[in-house]
C-alpha atoms as a PDB file:
ATOM      1  CA  UNK A   1      10.333   0.666  17.986  1.00  0.00           C
ATOM      2  CA  UNK A   2      13.849   1.456  16.869  1.00  0.00           C
ATOM      3  CA  UNK A   3      14.099   2.492  13.236  1.00  0.00           C
ATOM      4  CA  UNK A   4      17.038   2.643  10.847  1.00  0.00           C
ATOM      5  CA  UNK A   5      16.933   4.099   7.335  1.00  0.00           C
ATOM      6  CA  UNK A   6      18.754   1.983   4.765  1.00  0.00           C
ATOM      7  CA  UNK A   7      17.258   3.682   1.724  1.00  0.00           C
ATOM      8  CA  UNK A   8      16.621   7.058   0.206  1.00  0.00           C
ATOM      9  CA  UNK A   9      14.305   9.633   1.753  1.00  0.00           C
ATOM     10  CA  UNK A  10      10.875   9.985   0.236  1.00  0.00           C
ATOM     11  CA  UNK A  11      11.784  13.310  -1.307  1.00  0.00           C
ATOM     12  CA  UNK A  12      14.954  11.978  -2.874  1.00  0.00           C
ATOM     13  CA  UNK A  13      13.091   9.011  -4.259  1.00  0.00           C
ATOM     14  CA  UNK A  14      10.823  11.286  -6.229  1.00  0.00           C
ATOM     15  CA  UNK A  15      13.796  12.762  -8.024  1.00  0.00           C
ATOM     16  CA  UNK A  16      15.355   9.414  -8.863  1.00  0.00           C
ATOM     17  CA  UNK A  17      12.137   7.511  -9.676  1.00  0.00           C
ATOM     18  CA  UNK A  18      12.503   5.593 -12.888  1.00  0.00           C
ATOM     19  CA  UNK A  19      10.066   6.329 -15.693  1.00  0.00           C
ATOM     20  CA  UNK A  20       9.168   2.981 -17.190  1.00  0.00           C
ATOM     21  CA  UNK A  21       5.924   3.365 -19.068  1.00  0.00           C
ATOM     22  CA  UNK A  22       6.486   6.095 -21.608  1.00  0.00           C
ATOM     23  CA  UNK A  23       9.119   7.225 -24.056  1.00  0.00           C
ATOM     24  CA  UNK A  24       8.830  10.861 -23.037  1.00  0.00           C
ATOM     25  CA  UNK A  25      10.122  10.061 -19.539  1.00  0.00           C
ATOM     26  CA  UNK A  26       7.748  12.284 -17.594  1.00  0.00           C
ATOM     27  CA  UNK A  27       7.173  15.290 -19.775  1.00  0.00           C
ATOM     28  CA  UNK A  28       5.749  18.379 -18.119  1.00  0.00           C
ATOM     29  CA  UNK A  29       2.715  18.399 -20.400  1.00  0.00           C
ATOM     30  CA  UNK A  30       1.315  15.095 -19.123  1.00  0.00           C
ATOM     31  CA  UNK A  31      -2.412  15.482 -18.678  1.00  0.00           C
ATOM     32  CA  UNK A  32      -2.870  17.371 -21.928  1.00  0.00           C
ATOM     33  CA  UNK A  33      -5.144  15.838 -24.524  1.00  0.00           C
ATOM     34  CA  UNK A  34      -3.661  14.616 -27.789  1.00  0.00           C
ATOM     35  CA  UNK A  35      -5.925  13.160 -30.430  1.00  0.00           C
ATOM     36  CA  UNK A  36      -8.672  12.580 -27.895  1.00  0.00           C
ATOM     37  CA  UNK A  37      -6.331  10.779 -25.474  1.00  0.00           C
ATOM     38  CA  UNK A  38      -5.408  12.302 -22.108  1.00  0.00           C
ATOM     39  CA  UNK A  39      -2.068  11.213 -20.679  1.00  0.00           C
ATOM     40  CA  UNK A  40      -1.978  10.904 -16.895  1.00  0.00           C
ATOM     41  CA  UNK A  41       1.094  10.215 -14.820  1.00  0.00           C
ATOM     42  CA  UNK A  42       0.808   7.408 -12.303  1.00  0.00           C
ATOM     43  CA  UNK A  43       3.251   6.804  -9.444  1.00  0.00           C
ATOM     44  CA  UNK A  44       3.472   3.188  -8.353  1.00  0.00           C
ATOM     45  CA  UNK A  45       5.700   0.478  -6.898  1.00  0.00           C
ATOM     46  CA  UNK A  46       7.136  -2.250  -9.206  1.00  0.00           C
ATOM     47  CA  UNK A  47       5.412  -5.162  -7.449  1.00  0.00           C
ATOM     48  CA  UNK A  48       2.715  -7.713  -8.291  1.00  0.00           C
ATOM     49  CA  UNK A  49       0.030  -5.521  -6.695  1.00  0.00           C
ATOM     50  CA  UNK A  50      -0.148  -3.166  -9.679  1.00  0.00           C
ATOM     51  CA  UNK A  51      -0.312  -5.843 -12.386  1.00  0.00           C
ATOM     52  CA  UNK A  52      -3.949  -4.983 -13.229  1.00  0.00           C
ATOM     53  CA  UNK A  53      -3.038  -1.497 -14.427  1.00  0.00           C
ATOM     54  CA  UNK A  54      -0.237  -2.730 -16.675  1.00  0.00           C
ATOM     55  CA  UNK A  55      -2.647  -5.369 -17.940  1.00  0.00           C
ATOM     56  CA  UNK A  56      -5.452  -2.843 -18.361  1.00  0.00           C
ATOM     57  CA  UNK A  57      -3.193  -0.553 -20.378  1.00  0.00           C
ATOM     58  CA  UNK A  58      -2.165  -3.482 -22.582  1.00  0.00           C
ATOM     59  CA  UNK A  59      -5.773  -4.593 -23.086  1.00  0.00           C
ATOM     60  CA  UNK A  60      -6.896  -1.098 -24.040  1.00  0.00           C
ATOM     61  CA  UNK A  61      -9.223  -0.527 -21.082  1.00  0.00           C
ATOM     62  CA  UNK A  62      -7.726   2.901 -20.402  1.00  0.00           C
ATOM     63  CA  UNK A  63      -7.556   3.846 -24.073  1.00  0.00           C
ATOM     64  CA  UNK A  64     -11.254   3.022 -24.301  1.00  0.00           C
ATOM     65  CA  UNK A  65     -11.824   5.684 -21.636  1.00  0.00           C
ATOM     66  CA  UNK A  66      -9.616   8.155 -23.501  1.00  0.00           C
ATOM     67  CA  UNK A  67      -6.659   7.756 -21.143  1.00  0.00           C
ATOM     68  CA  UNK A  68      -3.009   6.782 -21.482  1.00  0.00           C
ATOM     69  CA  UNK A  69      -1.052   5.897 -18.348  1.00  0.00           C
ATOM     70  CA  UNK A  70       2.539   7.030 -17.925  1.00  0.00           C
ATOM     71  CA  UNK A  71       4.095   4.877 -15.209  1.00  0.00           C
ATOM     72  CA  UNK A  72       6.784   6.069 -12.810  1.00  0.00           C
ATOM     73  CA  UNK A  73       8.144   3.827 -10.054  1.00  0.00           C
ATOM     74  CA  UNK A  74       9.169   4.546  -6.473  1.00  0.00           C
ATOM     75  CA  UNK A  75      10.132   2.538  -3.390  1.00  0.00           C
ATOM     76  CA  UNK A  76       6.819   2.850  -1.556  1.00  0.00           C
ATOM     77  CA  UNK A  77       3.558   4.683  -1.124  1.00  0.00           C
ATOM     78  CA  UNK A  78       5.149   7.147   1.284  1.00  0.00           C
ATOM     79  CA  UNK A  79       7.370   8.293  -1.582  1.00  0.00           C
ATOM     80  CA  UNK A  80       4.477   8.558  -4.036  1.00  0.00           C
ATOM     81  CA  UNK A  81       2.139  10.637  -1.854  1.00  0.00           C
ATOM     82  CA  UNK A  82       4.129  13.903  -2.086  1.00  0.00           C
ATOM     83  CA  UNK A  83       4.402  13.465  -5.847  1.00  0.00           C
ATOM     84  CA  UNK A  84       0.624  13.278  -6.191  1.00  0.00           C
ATOM     85  CA  UNK A  85       0.059  16.131  -3.739  1.00  0.00           C
ATOM     86  CA  UNK A  86       2.473  18.364  -5.677  1.00  0.00           C
ATOM     87  CA  UNK A  87       0.985  17.520  -9.065  1.00  0.00           C
ATOM     88  CA  UNK A  88       4.000  15.556 -10.302  1.00  0.00           C
ATOM     89  CA  UNK A  89       1.640  12.593 -10.683  1.00  0.00           C
ATOM     90  CA  UNK A  90      -2.083  12.782 -11.350  1.00  0.00           C
ATOM     91  CA  UNK A  91      -2.659   9.445  -9.614  1.00  0.00           C
ATOM     92  CA  UNK A  92      -0.696   7.177  -7.325  1.00  0.00           C
ATOM     93  CA  UNK A  93      -0.716   3.761  -5.689  1.00  0.00           C
ATOM     94  CA  UNK A  94      -0.200   3.583  -1.956  1.00  0.00           C
ATOM     95  CA  UNK A  95      -0.818   1.381   1.020  1.00  0.00           C
ATOM     96  CA  UNK A  96      -3.748   2.613   3.089  1.00  0.00           C
ATOM     97  CA  UNK A  97      -1.649   3.472   6.148  1.00  0.00           C
ATOM     98  CA  UNK A  98       0.509   5.914   4.183  1.00  0.00           C
ATOM     99  CA  UNK A  99      -2.668   7.593   2.910  1.00  0.00           C
ATOM    100  CA  UNK A 100      -3.981   7.919   6.459  1.00  0.00           C
ATOM    101  CA  UNK A 101      -0.632   9.302   7.645  1.00  0.00           C
ATOM    102  CA  UNK A 102      -0.666  11.828   4.794  1.00  0.00           C
ATOM    103  CA  UNK A 103      -4.213  12.931   5.535  1.00  0.00           C
ATOM    104  CA  UNK A 104      -3.534  13.435   9.249  1.00  0.00           C
ATOM    105  CA  UNK A 105      -0.465  15.476   8.312  1.00  0.00           C
ATOM    106  CA  UNK A 106      -2.644  17.816   6.261  1.00  0.00           C
ATOM    107  CA  UNK A 107      -1.684  16.432   2.843  1.00  0.00           C
ATOM    108  CA  UNK A 108      -4.763  16.800   0.568  1.00  0.00           C
ATOM    109  CA  UNK A 109      -5.170  13.303  -0.901  1.00  0.00           C
ATOM    110  CA  UNK A 110      -8.148  11.014  -1.414  1.00  0.00           C
ATOM    111  CA  UNK A 111      -8.516   7.430  -2.586  1.00  0.00           C
ATOM    112  CA  UNK A 112     -10.414   6.963  -5.841  1.00  0.00           C
ATOM    113  CA  UNK A 113     -10.223   3.221  -6.579  1.00  0.00           C
ATOM    114  CA  UNK A 114      -9.507  -0.016  -4.808  1.00  0.00           C
ATOM    115  CA  UNK A 115      -6.066  -1.541  -5.189  1.00  0.00           C
ATOM    116  CA  UNK A 116      -5.451  -4.914  -3.547  1.00  0.00           C
ATOM    117  CA  UNK A 117      -6.482  -7.109  -0.661  1.00  0.00           C
ATOM    118  CA  UNK A 118      -4.831  -9.920   1.262  1.00  0.00           C
ATOM    119  CA  UNK A 119      -5.841 -13.438   0.259  1.00  0.00           C
ATOM    120  CA  UNK A 120      -6.793 -14.041   3.881  1.00  0.00           C
ATOM    121  CA  UNK A 121      -5.094 -17.464   3.822  1.00  0.00           C
ATOM    122  CA  UNK A 122      -2.158 -17.952   6.191  1.00  0.00           C
ATOM    123  CA  UNK A 123       0.938 -19.227   4.463  1.00  0.00           C
ATOM    124  CA  UNK A 124      -0.633 -18.493   1.079  1.00  0.00           C
ATOM    125  CA  UNK A 125      -0.668 -14.710   0.996  1.00  0.00           C
ATOM    126  CA  UNK A 126       1.232 -12.477  -1.403  1.00  0.00           C
ATOM    127  CA  UNK A 127       2.890 -10.922   1.650  1.00  0.00           C
ATOM    128  CA  UNK A 128       4.973 -12.707   4.234  1.00  0.00           C
ATOM    129  CA  UNK A 129       7.344 -12.152   7.134  1.00  0.00           C
ATOM    130  CA  UNK A 130      10.289 -14.271   6.030  1.00  0.00           C
ATOM    131  CA  UNK A 131      13.694 -15.510   7.216  1.00  0.00           C
ATOM    132  CA  UNK A 132      16.534 -17.299   5.403  1.00  0.00           C
ATOM    133  CA  UNK A 133      16.604 -21.084   5.204  1.00  0.00           C
ATOM    134  CA  UNK A 134      19.146 -21.648   7.977  1.00  0.00           C
ATOM    135  CA  UNK A 135      17.758 -19.020  10.366  1.00  0.00           C
ATOM    136  CA  UNK A 136      17.085 -20.161  13.939  1.00  0.00           C
ATOM    137  CA  UNK A 137      14.061 -17.822  14.048  1.00  0.00           C
ATOM    138  CA  UNK A 138      10.825 -19.823  14.105  1.00  0.00           C
ATOM    139  CA  UNK A 139       8.242 -17.222  15.126  1.00  0.00           C
ATOM    140  CA  UNK A 140       7.700 -13.465  15.054  1.00  0.00           C
ATOM    141  CA  UNK A 141       8.241 -13.345  18.829  1.00  0.00           C
ATOM    142  CA  UNK A 142      11.909 -14.186  18.219  1.00  0.00           C
ATOM    143  CA  UNK A 143      12.358 -10.969  16.219  1.00  0.00           C
ATOM    144  CA  UNK A 144      12.947  -9.097  19.473  1.00  0.00           C
ATOM    145  CA  UNK A 145      16.434  -7.616  19.206  1.00  0.00           C
ATOM    146  CA  UNK A 146      16.572  -8.439  15.507  1.00  0.00           C
ATOM    147  CA  UNK A 147      16.697  -6.357  12.330  1.00  0.00           C
ATOM    148  CA  UNK A 148      13.641  -6.553  10.041  1.00  0.00           C
ATOM    149  CA  UNK A 149      13.346  -4.930   6.602  1.00  0.00           C
ATOM    150  CA  UNK A 150      10.227  -3.104   5.413  1.00  0.00           C
ATOM    151  CA  UNK A 151       9.958  -0.993   2.263  1.00  0.00           C
ATOM    152  CA  UNK A 152       9.257   2.325   3.991  1.00  0.00           C
ATOM    153  CA  UNK A 153       8.784   3.344   7.596  1.00  0.00           C
ATOM    154  CA  UNK A 154       5.413   4.386   9.040  1.00  0.00           C
ATOM    155  CA  UNK A 155       3.439   2.422   6.474  1.00  0.00           C
ATOM    156  CA  UNK A 156       1.252  -0.673   6.498  1.00  0.00           C
ATOM    157  CA  UNK A 157       4.241  -2.997   6.729  1.00  0.00           C
ATOM    158  CA  UNK A 158       5.407  -1.352   9.948  1.00  0.00           C
ATOM    159  CA  UNK A 159       1.958  -2.008  11.411  1.00  0.00           C
ATOM    160  CA  UNK A 160       2.020  -5.563  10.030  1.00  0.00           C
ATOM    161  CA  UNK A 161       5.393  -6.430  11.569  1.00  0.00           C
ATOM    162  CA  UNK A 162       4.457  -4.917  14.908  1.00  0.00           C
ATOM    163  CA  UNK A 163       1.138  -6.775  14.968  1.00  0.00           C
ATOM    164  CA  UNK A 164       2.729 -10.099  13.988  1.00  0.00           C
ATOM    165  CA  UNK A 165       5.227  -9.757  16.839  1.00  0.00           C
ATOM    166  CA  UNK A 166       2.443  -8.714  19.220  1.00  0.00           C
ATOM    167  CA  UNK A 167       0.190 -11.648  18.222  1.00  0.00           C
ATOM    168  CA  UNK A 168       3.107 -14.053  18.724  1.00  0.00           C
ATOM    169  CA  UNK A 169       3.566 -12.772  22.282  1.00  0.00           C
ATOM    170  CA  UNK A 170       6.557 -10.539  21.661  1.00  0.00           C
ATOM    171  CA  UNK A 171       7.330  -6.861  22.264  1.00  0.00           C
ATOM    172  CA  UNK A 172       7.292  -4.956  18.955  1.00  0.00           C
ATOM    173  CA  UNK A 173       9.220  -2.072  20.515  1.00  0.00           C
ATOM    174  CA  UNK A 174      12.246  -4.376  20.740  1.00  0.00           C
ATOM    175  CA  UNK A 175      12.392  -4.903  16.971  1.00  0.00           C
ATOM    176  CA  UNK A 176      14.597  -2.737  14.751  1.00  0.00           C
ATOM    177  CA  UNK A 177      13.011  -1.807  11.422  1.00  0.00           C
ATOM    178  CA  UNK A 178      15.247  -1.164   8.415  1.00  0.00           C
ATOM    179  CA  UNK A 179      13.971   0.701   5.367  1.00  0.00           C
ATOM    180  CA  UNK A 180      14.816  -1.150   2.148  1.00  0.00           C
ATOM    181  CA  UNK A 181      13.338  -1.587  -1.340  1.00  0.00           C
ATOM    182  CA  UNK A 182      11.424  -4.835  -1.793  1.00  0.00           C
ATOM    183  CA  UNK A 183      13.654  -6.022  -4.631  1.00  0.00           C
ATOM    184  CA  UNK A 184      16.757  -5.611  -2.450  1.00  0.00           C
ATOM    185  CA  UNK A 185      15.392  -7.702   0.430  1.00  0.00           C
ATOM    186  CA  UNK A 186      16.035 -11.233  -0.931  1.00  0.00           C
ATOM    187  CA  UNK A 187      19.766 -10.603  -1.373  1.00  0.00           C
ATOM    188  CA  UNK A 188      20.060  -8.738   1.928  1.00  0.00           C
ATOM    189  CA  UNK A 189      18.356 -11.607   3.744  1.00  0.00           C
ATOM    190  CA  UNK A 190      20.463 -14.242   2.009  1.00  0.00           C
ATOM    191  CA  UNK A 191      23.664 -12.352   2.874  1.00  0.00           C
ATOM    192  CA  UNK A 192      22.687 -11.915   6.529  1.00  0.00           C
ATOM    193  CA  UNK A 193      22.415  -8.115   6.405  1.00  0.00           C
ATOM    194  CA  UNK A 194      18.942  -8.408   7.953  1.00  0.00           C
ATOM    195  CA  UNK A 195      17.343 -11.092  10.121  1.00  0.00           C
ATOM    196  CA  UNK A 196      13.899 -11.031   8.503  1.00  0.00           C
ATOM    197  CA  UNK A 197      11.987  -9.228   5.765  1.00  0.00           C
ATOM    198  CA  UNK A 198       8.354  -8.230   5.380  1.00  0.00           C
ATOM    199  CA  UNK A 199       8.010  -8.762   1.648  1.00  0.00           C
ATOM    200  CA  UNK A 200       5.420  -8.811  -1.122  1.00  0.00           C
ATOM    201  CA  UNK A 201       5.492 -10.546  -4.483  1.00  0.00           C
ATOM    202  CA  UNK A 202       7.602 -11.077  -6.482  1.00  0.00           C
ATOM    203  CA  UNK A 203      10.186 -10.779  -3.657  1.00  0.00           C
ATOM    204  CA  UNK A 204       8.223 -13.343  -1.623  1.00  0.00           C
ATOM    205  CA  UNK A 205       8.654 -15.981  -4.340  1.00  0.00           C
ATOM    206  CA  UNK A 206      12.316 -15.039  -4.803  1.00  0.00           C
ATOM    207  CA  UNK A 207      13.046 -15.668  -1.123  1.00  0.00           C
ATOM    208  CA  UNK A 208      11.201 -18.990  -1.284  1.00  0.00           C
ATOM    209  CA  UNK A 209      13.348 -19.955  -4.292  1.00  0.00           C
ATOM    210  CA  UNK A 210      16.395 -19.311  -2.086  1.00  0.00           C
ATOM    211  CA  UNK A 211      15.005 -21.718   0.499  1.00  0.00           C
ATOM    212  CA  UNK A 212      13.637 -18.983   2.735  1.00  0.00           C
ATOM    213  CA  UNK A 213      10.809 -19.653   5.204  1.00  0.00           C
ATOM    214  CA  UNK A 214       7.717 -17.704   6.209  1.00  0.00           C
ATOM    215  CA  UNK A 215       7.298 -17.264   9.963  1.00  0.00           C
ATOM    216  CA  UNK A 216       4.102 -15.186   9.869  1.00  0.00           C
ATOM    217  CA  UNK A 217       1.389 -13.859   7.549  1.00  0.00           C
ATOM    218  CA  UNK A 218       1.390 -10.336   9.025  1.00  0.00           C
ATOM    219  CA  UNK A 219      -1.363  -8.753   6.943  1.00  0.00           C
ATOM    220  CA  UNK A 220      -3.744 -11.454   8.153  1.00  0.00           C
ATOM    221  CA  UNK A 221      -2.692 -10.672  11.726  1.00  0.00           C
ATOM    222  CA  UNK A 222      -4.159  -7.193  11.151  1.00  0.00           C
ATOM    223  CA  UNK A 223      -7.504  -8.306   9.706  1.00  0.00           C
ATOM    224  CA  UNK A 224      -8.856 -11.094   7.506  1.00  0.00           C
ATOM    225  CA  UNK A 225      -9.091 -10.046   3.858  1.00  0.00           C
ATOM    226  CA  UNK A 226      -7.399  -6.748   4.606  1.00  0.00           C
ATOM    227  CA  UNK A 227      -7.609  -3.916   2.080  1.00  0.00           C
ATOM    228  CA  UNK A 228      -3.893  -3.216   1.696  1.00  0.00           C
ATOM    229  CA  UNK A 229      -3.555  -0.456  -0.887  1.00  0.00           C
ATOM    230  CA  UNK A 230      -5.576   1.872  -3.095  1.00  0.00           C
ATOM    231  CA  UNK A 231      -5.184   4.231  -6.025  1.00  0.00           C
ATOM    232  CA  UNK A 232      -5.498   7.892  -5.096  1.00  0.00           C
ATOM    233  CA  UNK A 233      -5.262  11.471  -6.322  1.00  0.00           C
ATOM    234  CA  UNK A 234      -5.038  14.934  -4.782  1.00  0.00           C
ATOM    235  CA  UNK A 235      -8.253  16.570  -3.626  1.00  0.00           C
ATOM    236  CA  UNK A 236      -7.484  19.513  -5.897  1.00  0.00           C
ATOM    237  CA  UNK A 237      -7.087  17.316  -8.976  1.00  0.00           C
ATOM    238  CA  UNK A 238     -10.305  15.455  -8.133  1.00  0.00           C
ATOM    239  CA  UNK A 239     -12.213  18.722  -7.833  1.00  0.00           C
ATOM    240  CA  UNK A 240     -10.788  20.205 -11.036  1.00  0.00           C
ATOM    241  CA  UNK A 241     -10.887  17.039 -13.184  1.00  0.00           C
ATOM    242  CA  UNK A 242     -13.884  14.944 -12.122  1.00  0.00           C
ATOM    243  CA  UNK A 243     -14.296  13.578 -15.643  1.00  0.00           C
ATOM    244  CA  UNK A 244     -10.722  12.250 -15.769  1.00  0.00           C
ATOM    245  CA  UNK A 245     -11.080  10.753 -12.288  1.00  0.00           C
ATOM    246  CA  UNK A 246     -14.292   8.979 -13.338  1.00  0.00           C
ATOM    247  CA  UNK A 247     -12.607   7.587 -16.464  1.00  0.00           C
ATOM    248  CA  UNK A 248      -9.658   6.399 -14.368  1.00  0.00           C
ATOM    249  CA  UNK A 249     -12.028   4.738 -11.890  1.00  0.00           C
ATOM    250  CA  UNK A 250     -13.965   2.957 -14.645  1.00  0.00           C
ATOM    251  CA  UNK A 251     -10.844   1.713 -16.433  1.00  0.00           C
ATOM    252  CA  UNK A 252      -9.257   0.621 -13.160  1.00  0.00           C
ATOM    253  CA  UNK A 253     -12.392  -1.285 -12.141  1.00  0.00           C
ATOM    254  CA  UNK A 254     -12.365  -3.124 -15.466  1.00  0.00           C
ATOM    255  CA  UNK A 255      -8.646  -3.845 -15.065  1.00  0.00           C
ATOM    256  CA  UNK A 256      -9.077  -5.238 -11.534  1.00  0.00           C
ATOM    257  CA  UNK A 257     -11.924  -7.488 -12.647  1.00  0.00           C
ATOM    258  CA  UNK A 258      -9.957  -8.750 -15.641  1.00  0.00           C
ATOM    259  CA  UNK A 259      -6.850  -9.508 -13.559  1.00  0.00           C
ATOM    260  CA  UNK A 260      -8.954 -11.332 -10.963  1.00  0.00           C
ATOM    261  CA  UNK A 261     -10.535 -13.452 -13.705  1.00  0.00           C
ATOM    262  CA  UNK A 262      -7.298 -14.056 -15.654  1.00  0.00           C
ATOM    263  CA  UNK A 263      -4.559 -14.825 -13.087  1.00  0.00           C
ATOM    264  CA  UNK A 264      -2.180 -16.339 -15.633  1.00  0.00           C
ATOM    265  CA  UNK A 265      -2.180 -13.131 -17.676  1.00  0.00           C
ATOM    266  CA  UNK A 266      -1.752 -11.072 -14.518  1.00  0.00           C
ATOM    267  CA  UNK A 267       1.219 -13.194 -13.478  1.00  0.00           C
ATOM    268  CA  UNK A 268       2.798 -12.955 -16.924  1.00  0.00           C
ATOM    269  CA  UNK A 269       2.513  -9.148 -17.128  1.00  0.00           C
ATOM    270  CA  UNK A 270       4.672  -8.903 -13.994  1.00  0.00           C
ATOM    271  CA  UNK A 271       7.693  -9.958 -16.079  1.00  0.00           C
ATOM    272  CA  UNK A 272       7.387  -6.759 -18.124  1.00  0.00           C
ATOM    273  CA  UNK A 273       8.123  -4.417 -15.208  1.00  0.00           C
ATOM    274  CA  UNK A 274      10.107  -6.508 -12.694  1.00  0.00           C
ATOM    275  CA  UNK A 275      13.235  -8.636 -12.950  1.00  0.00           C
ATOM    276  CA  UNK A 276      11.615 -11.837 -11.719  1.00  0.00           C
ATOM    277  CA  UNK A 277      13.237 -14.930 -13.291  1.00  0.00           C
ATOM    278  CA  UNK A 278      10.905 -17.132 -15.340  1.00  0.00           C
ATOM    279  CA  UNK A 279      11.555 -20.130 -13.057  1.00  0.00           C
ATOM    280  CA  UNK A 280      10.302 -18.137 -10.061  1.00  0.00           C
ATOM    281  CA  UNK A 281       7.194 -16.767 -11.788  1.00  0.00           C
ATOM    282  CA  UNK A 282       5.085 -19.879 -11.156  1.00  0.00           C
ATOM    283  CA  UNK A 283       5.732 -19.551  -7.412  1.00  0.00           C
ATOM    284  CA  UNK A 284       4.241 -16.054  -7.253  1.00  0.00           C
ATOM    285  CA  UNK A 285       1.114 -15.817  -5.086  1.00  0.00           C
ATOM    286  CA  UNK A 286      -1.287 -13.236  -6.441  1.00  0.00           C
ATOM    287  CA  UNK A 287      -3.214 -10.876  -4.155  1.00  0.00           C
ATOM    288  CA  UNK A 288      -6.956 -10.395  -4.375  1.00  0.00           C
ATOM    289  CA  UNK A 289      -8.182  -7.566  -6.596  1.00  0.00           C
ATOM    290  CA  UNK A 290     -11.737  -6.897  -5.345  1.00  0.00           C
ATOM    291  CA  UNK A 291     -13.821  -4.077  -6.777  1.00  0.00           C
ATOM    292  CA  UNK A 292     -14.501  -2.465  -3.406  1.00  0.00           C
ATOM    293  CA  UNK A 293     -12.430  -1.707  -0.321  1.00  0.00           C
ATOM    294  CA  UNK A 294     -13.151  -3.567   2.925  1.00  0.00           C
ATOM    295  CA  UNK A 295     -14.050  -0.720   5.266  1.00  0.00           C
ATOM    296  CA  UNK A 296     -13.989  -2.772   8.474  1.00  0.00           C
ATOM    297  CA  UNK A 297     -10.466  -4.012   7.738  1.00  0.00           C
ATOM    298  CA  UNK A 298      -9.285  -0.425   7.178  1.00  0.00           C
ATOM    299  CA  UNK A 299     -10.823   0.555  10.519  1.00  0.00           C
ATOM    300  CA  UNK A 300      -8.833  -2.247  12.201  1.00  0.00           C
ATOM    301  CA  UNK A 301      -5.681  -1.013  10.466  1.00  0.00           C
ATOM    302  CA  UNK A 302      -6.403   2.546  11.606  1.00  0.00           C
ATOM    303  CA  UNK A 303      -6.807   1.483  15.237  1.00  0.00           C
ATOM    304  CA  UNK A 304      -3.447  -0.298  15.194  1.00  0.00           C
ATOM    305  CA  UNK A 305      -1.836   2.740  13.563  1.00  0.00           C
ATOM    306  CA  UNK A 306      -3.222   4.927  16.323  1.00  0.00           C
ATOM    307  CA  UNK A 307      -1.944   2.498  18.944  1.00  0.00           C
ATOM    308  CA  UNK A 308       1.520   2.614  17.389  1.00  0.00           C
ATOM    309  CA  UNK A 309       1.519   6.414  17.192  1.00  0.00           C
ATOM    310  CA  UNK A 310       1.594   6.714  13.403  1.00  0.00           C
ATOM    311  CA  UNK A 311      -1.056   9.452  13.184  1.00  0.00           C
ATOM    312  CA  UNK A 312      -1.166  12.990  14.557  1.00  0.00           C
ATOM    313  CA  UNK A 313      -4.940  12.665  14.876  1.00  0.00           C
ATOM    314  CA  UNK A 314      -7.669  10.174  14.021  1.00  0.00           C
ATOM    315  CA  UNK A 315      -7.923   9.755  10.229  1.00  0.00           C
ATOM    316  CA  UNK A 316     -11.190  10.828   8.576  1.00  0.00           C
ATOM    317  CA  UNK A 317     -12.083   7.713   6.605  1.00  0.00           C
ATOM    318  CA  UNK A 318     -15.267   9.265   5.219  1.00  0.00           C
ATOM    319  CA  UNK A 319     -13.194  11.952   3.505  1.00  0.00           C
ATOM    320  CA  UNK A 320     -10.355   9.625   2.492  1.00  0.00           C
ATOM    321  CA  UNK A 321     -12.220   6.672   1.001  1.00  0.00           C
ATOM    322  CA  UNK A 322     -14.310   6.740  -2.195  1.00  0.00           C
END
């Protein structure tokens, strides 16, 4: 598959990531205890997926565990992985494919908590492969020879686009992938800079508000109820700080359960860290936030990644998953 880079490199992204959850803007002493509270830096993407952690921080679930989260945003999981591995972040949020790529490249990371899952309902997922309202493209097969945006290359969205094209009877090697931040995709699609976009909420709802159409539910083409992303840390940090990891896991589990049970609050918290207009908010489709990862769906994702040549060797899921 031909690939074009329309964004920053992963390394550059780490230097320009925007601190958005703390007034100290990423101080070097994050992780130190202050008054019984340990501050941990968390690298994530400003999308609906991570709403439970913003909600959990607001509700005091992390404070109850003696933790304070300091959020820093990046374009995708591939940009967050090196930050966690280097100790810039204590924890990160990443799609599962990027974690498998990192592991097979010798990057010492391990998942510690579940993140999100697909809804498993075609046409009603938080992710979609979308085109503009007047596009002649009706199916993923017609993306051959076309330009499709994903947030970062060699991640779950690359696999999703390729699989959607494959399922529709097309040749994924004839599609050109363009790297672009999710929040830039609606405008780029509307202006004709790209032919299609593999987006997640709130960009999915934004494109719908522009009259855009979904031509495939690519995550569901990979596996029903696919585990899409997880929270992770470095193996070194996990070994040296098992107590902090356990507290993070417990608070995250409570946050996921609360968000799943209170969708209106989860949807509303998204307005605090994205630029989604209020009139688009009601159109946002929330992902599933299950307590546990779906191992069989990750195995299906791994097999497709191997088929597409994303890994140097077969990922060790026993070592990667909690």
